[in-house]
Amino acid sequence: MNWRKSTYSGGGEGNTCVEIAELATRIAIRDSKAPTRATLSVPAPAFTAFVEGVKRHSRSGA
């Protein structure tokens, strides 16, 4: 699996972030501070909808 960190990682040393890995039909998500622990896997369309919702919320200033 090819993991990558979010470009919007927390401040400081970037130690408060998640990593994602794109699979055929799902997105795997894990805590970058504990990469050997459990991962969460969600359908790719659900992850895309989540990210778009966060972007809309962020732009609205709410």
N, C-alpha and C. Protein backbone atom coordinates (compact mmCIF):
# COMPACT_ATOMS: atom_id res chain seq x y z
N MET A 1 0.85 -1.17 0.00
CA MET A 1 0.00 0.00 0.00
C MET A 1 0.90 1.24 0.00
N ASN A 2 0.51 2.24 -0.77
CA ASN A 2 1.27 3.48 -0.85
C ASN A 2 0.58 4.56 -0.02
N TRP A 3 1.09 4.79 1.19
CA TRP A 3 0.50 5.77 2.11
C TRP A 3 1.07 7.15 1.84
N ARG A 4 0.22 8.18 2.00
CA ARG A 4 0.69 9.56 1.89
C ARG A 4 0.00 10.41 2.95
N LYS A 5 0.76 11.40 3.45
CA LYS A 5 0.22 12.29 4.48
C LYS A 5 -0.60 13.40 3.84
N SER A 6 -1.55 13.89 4.60
CA SER A 6 -2.36 15.01 4.16
C SER A 6 -1.49 16.25 3.99
N THR A 7 -1.77 17.04 2.98
CA THR A 7 -1.05 18.30 2.79
C THR A 7 -1.53 19.34 3.78
N TYR A 8 -2.61 19.06 4.49
CA TYR A 8 -3.15 19.97 5.50
C TYR A 8 -2.85 19.47 6.91
N SER A 9 -1.68 18.89 7.10
CA SER A 9 -1.30 18.37 8.41
C SER A 9 -1.26 19.50 9.42
N GLY A 10 -1.39 19.14 10.68
CA GLY A 10 -1.36 20.12 11.75
C GLY A 10 -0.06 20.89 11.79
N GLY A 11 -0.04 21.98 12.54
CA GLY A 11 1.14 22.83 12.64
C GLY A 11 2.27 22.15 13.39
N GLY A 12 3.28 22.90 13.70
CA GLY A 12 4.43 22.37 14.42
C GLY A 12 5.23 21.43 13.55
N GLU A 13 5.46 20.25 14.06
CA GLU A 13 6.28 19.27 13.35
C GLU A 13 5.44 18.38 12.44
N GLY A 14 4.19 18.71 12.25
CA GLY A 14 3.33 17.91 11.38
C GLY A 14 3.00 16.55 11.96
N ASN A 15 2.99 16.45 13.29
CA ASN A 15 2.77 15.15 13.91
C ASN A 15 1.31 14.90 14.28
N THR A 16 0.41 15.73 13.82
CA THR A 16 -1.02 15.51 14.07
C THR A 16 -1.73 15.41 12.73
N CYS A 17 -1.51 14.31 12.06
CA CYS A 17 -2.14 14.17 10.75
C CYS A 17 -2.53 12.72 10.49
N VAL A 18 -3.25 12.54 9.44
CA VAL A 18 -3.63 11.21 8.99
C VAL A 18 -2.93 10.93 7.68
N GLU A 19 -2.86 9.66 7.35
CA GLU A 19 -2.34 9.23 6.07
C GLU A 19 -3.44 8.47 5.35
N ILE A 20 -3.43 8.55 4.03
CA ILE A 20 -4.41 7.81 3.25
C ILE A 20 -3.69 6.97 2.20
N ALA A 21 -4.34 5.92 1.80
CA ALA A 21 -3.86 5.08 0.71
C ALA A 21 -5.05 4.80 -0.19
N GLU A 22 -4.87 5.04 -1.47
CA GLU A 22 -5.95 4.80 -2.42
C GLU A 22 -5.91 3.36 -2.88
N LEU A 23 -7.04 2.67 -2.73
CA LEU A 23 -7.19 1.30 -3.19
C LEU A 23 -8.10 1.32 -4.41
N ALA A 24 -8.39 0.18 -4.96
CA ALA A 24 -9.20 0.12 -6.19
C ALA A 24 -10.55 0.82 -6.02
N THR A 25 -11.26 0.52 -4.95
CA THR A 25 -12.60 1.09 -4.76
C THR A 25 -12.79 1.72 -3.39
N ARG A 26 -11.74 1.74 -2.58
CA ARG A 26 -11.84 2.23 -1.22
C ARG A 26 -10.66 3.15 -0.91
N ILE A 27 -10.78 3.90 0.18
CA ILE A 27 -9.70 4.73 0.70
C ILE A 27 -9.38 4.21 2.10
N ALA A 28 -8.12 3.89 2.33
CA ALA A 28 -7.68 3.46 3.66
C ALA A 28 -7.13 4.68 4.39
N ILE A 29 -7.43 4.77 5.68
CA ILE A 29 -7.03 5.92 6.49
C ILE A 29 -6.38 5.40 7.76
N ARG A 30 -5.25 6.03 8.16
CA ARG A 30 -4.60 5.63 9.40
C ARG A 30 -3.99 6.84 10.09
N ASP A 31 -3.70 6.69 11.37
CA ASP A 31 -3.05 7.73 12.17
C ASP A 31 -1.56 7.68 11.88
N SER A 32 -0.97 8.79 11.47
CA SER A 32 0.44 8.80 11.11
C SER A 32 1.34 8.55 12.33
N LYS A 33 0.85 8.82 13.54
CA LYS A 33 1.64 8.59 14.74
C LYS A 33 1.65 7.12 15.15
N ALA A 34 0.72 6.34 14.64
CA ALA A 34 0.61 4.92 15.00
C ALA A 34 0.33 4.10 13.75
N PRO A 35 1.25 4.08 12.79
CA PRO A 35 0.99 3.45 11.50
C PRO A 35 0.78 1.93 11.55
N THR A 36 1.22 1.27 12.61
CA THR A 36 1.03 -0.18 12.68
C THR A 36 -0.28 -0.57 13.34
N ARG A 37 -1.01 0.41 13.85
CA ARG A 37 -2.29 0.11 14.48
C ARG A 37 -3.39 0.00 13.43
N ALA A 38 -4.60 -0.07 13.84
CA ALA A 38 -5.74 -0.30 12.95
C ALA A 38 -5.91 0.81 11.92
N THR A 39 -6.47 0.44 10.79
CA THR A 39 -6.81 1.40 9.74
C THR A 39 -8.32 1.40 9.53
N LEU A 40 -8.80 2.46 8.94
CA LEU A 40 -10.20 2.60 8.59
C LEU A 40 -10.27 2.59 7.07
N SER A 41 -11.21 1.86 6.52
CA SER A 41 -11.37 1.80 5.08
C SER A 41 -12.81 2.19 4.73
N VAL A 42 -12.95 3.14 3.81
CA VAL A 42 -14.28 3.60 3.40
C VAL A 42 -14.38 3.58 1.88
N PRO A 43 -15.60 3.46 1.36
CA PRO A 43 -15.75 3.52 -0.10
C PRO A 43 -15.24 4.85 -0.63
N ALA A 44 -14.56 4.83 -1.76
CA ALA A 44 -13.98 6.05 -2.35
C ALA A 44 -15.01 7.16 -2.53
N PRO A 45 -16.22 6.88 -3.03
CA PRO A 45 -17.20 7.97 -3.18
C PRO A 45 -17.58 8.62 -1.85
N ALA A 46 -17.65 7.84 -0.78
CA ALA A 46 -17.98 8.40 0.54
C ALA A 46 -16.85 9.30 1.03
N PHE A 47 -15.60 8.90 0.80
CA PHE A 47 -14.47 9.73 1.21
C PHE A 47 -14.46 11.03 0.42
N THR A 48 -14.71 10.95 -0.87
CA THR A 48 -14.76 12.15 -1.71
C THR A 48 -15.85 13.10 -1.21
N ALA A 49 -17.01 12.58 -0.90
CA ALA A 49 -18.11 13.41 -0.39
C ALA A 49 -17.73 14.05 0.94
N PHE A 50 -17.05 13.31 1.80
CA PHE A 50 -16.60 13.85 3.08
C PHE A 50 -15.63 15.02 2.88
N VAL A 51 -14.64 14.83 2.02
CA VAL A 51 -13.64 15.87 1.76
C VAL A 51 -14.32 17.11 1.16
N GLU A 52 -15.22 16.93 0.22
CA GLU A 52 -15.92 18.06 -0.37
C GLU A 52 -16.76 18.80 0.67
N GLY A 53 -17.39 18.06 1.57
CA GLY A 53 -18.16 18.69 2.64
C GLY A 53 -17.29 19.51 3.57
N VAL A 54 -16.11 19.00 3.89
CA VAL A 54 -15.18 19.74 4.74
C VAL A 54 -14.72 21.01 4.03
N LYS A 55 -14.45 20.92 2.75
CA LYS A 55 -14.03 22.09 1.99
C LYS A 55 -15.12 23.16 1.97
N ARG A 56 -16.38 22.74 1.74
CA ARG A 56 -17.49 23.70 1.72
C ARG A 56 -17.65 24.36 3.08
N HIS A 57 -17.57 23.58 4.13
CA HIS A 57 -17.71 24.10 5.49
C HIS A 57 -16.59 25.10 5.79
N SER A 58 -15.39 24.78 5.36
CA SER A 58 -14.23 25.65 5.61
C SER A 58 -14.38 26.98 4.88
N ARG A 59 -14.86 26.94 3.64
CA ARG A 59 -15.02 28.16 2.84
C ARG A 59 -16.15 29.04 3.38
N SER A 60 -17.15 28.40 4.00
CA SER A 60 -18.29 29.19 4.49
C SER A 60 -17.96 29.92 5.78
N GLY A 61 -16.85 29.57 6.41
CA GLY A 61 -16.47 30.23 7.66
C GLY A 61 -17.24 29.77 8.86
N ALA A 62 -18.01 28.70 8.68
CA ALA A 62 -18.82 28.20 9.80
C ALA A 62 -18.01 27.38 10.76
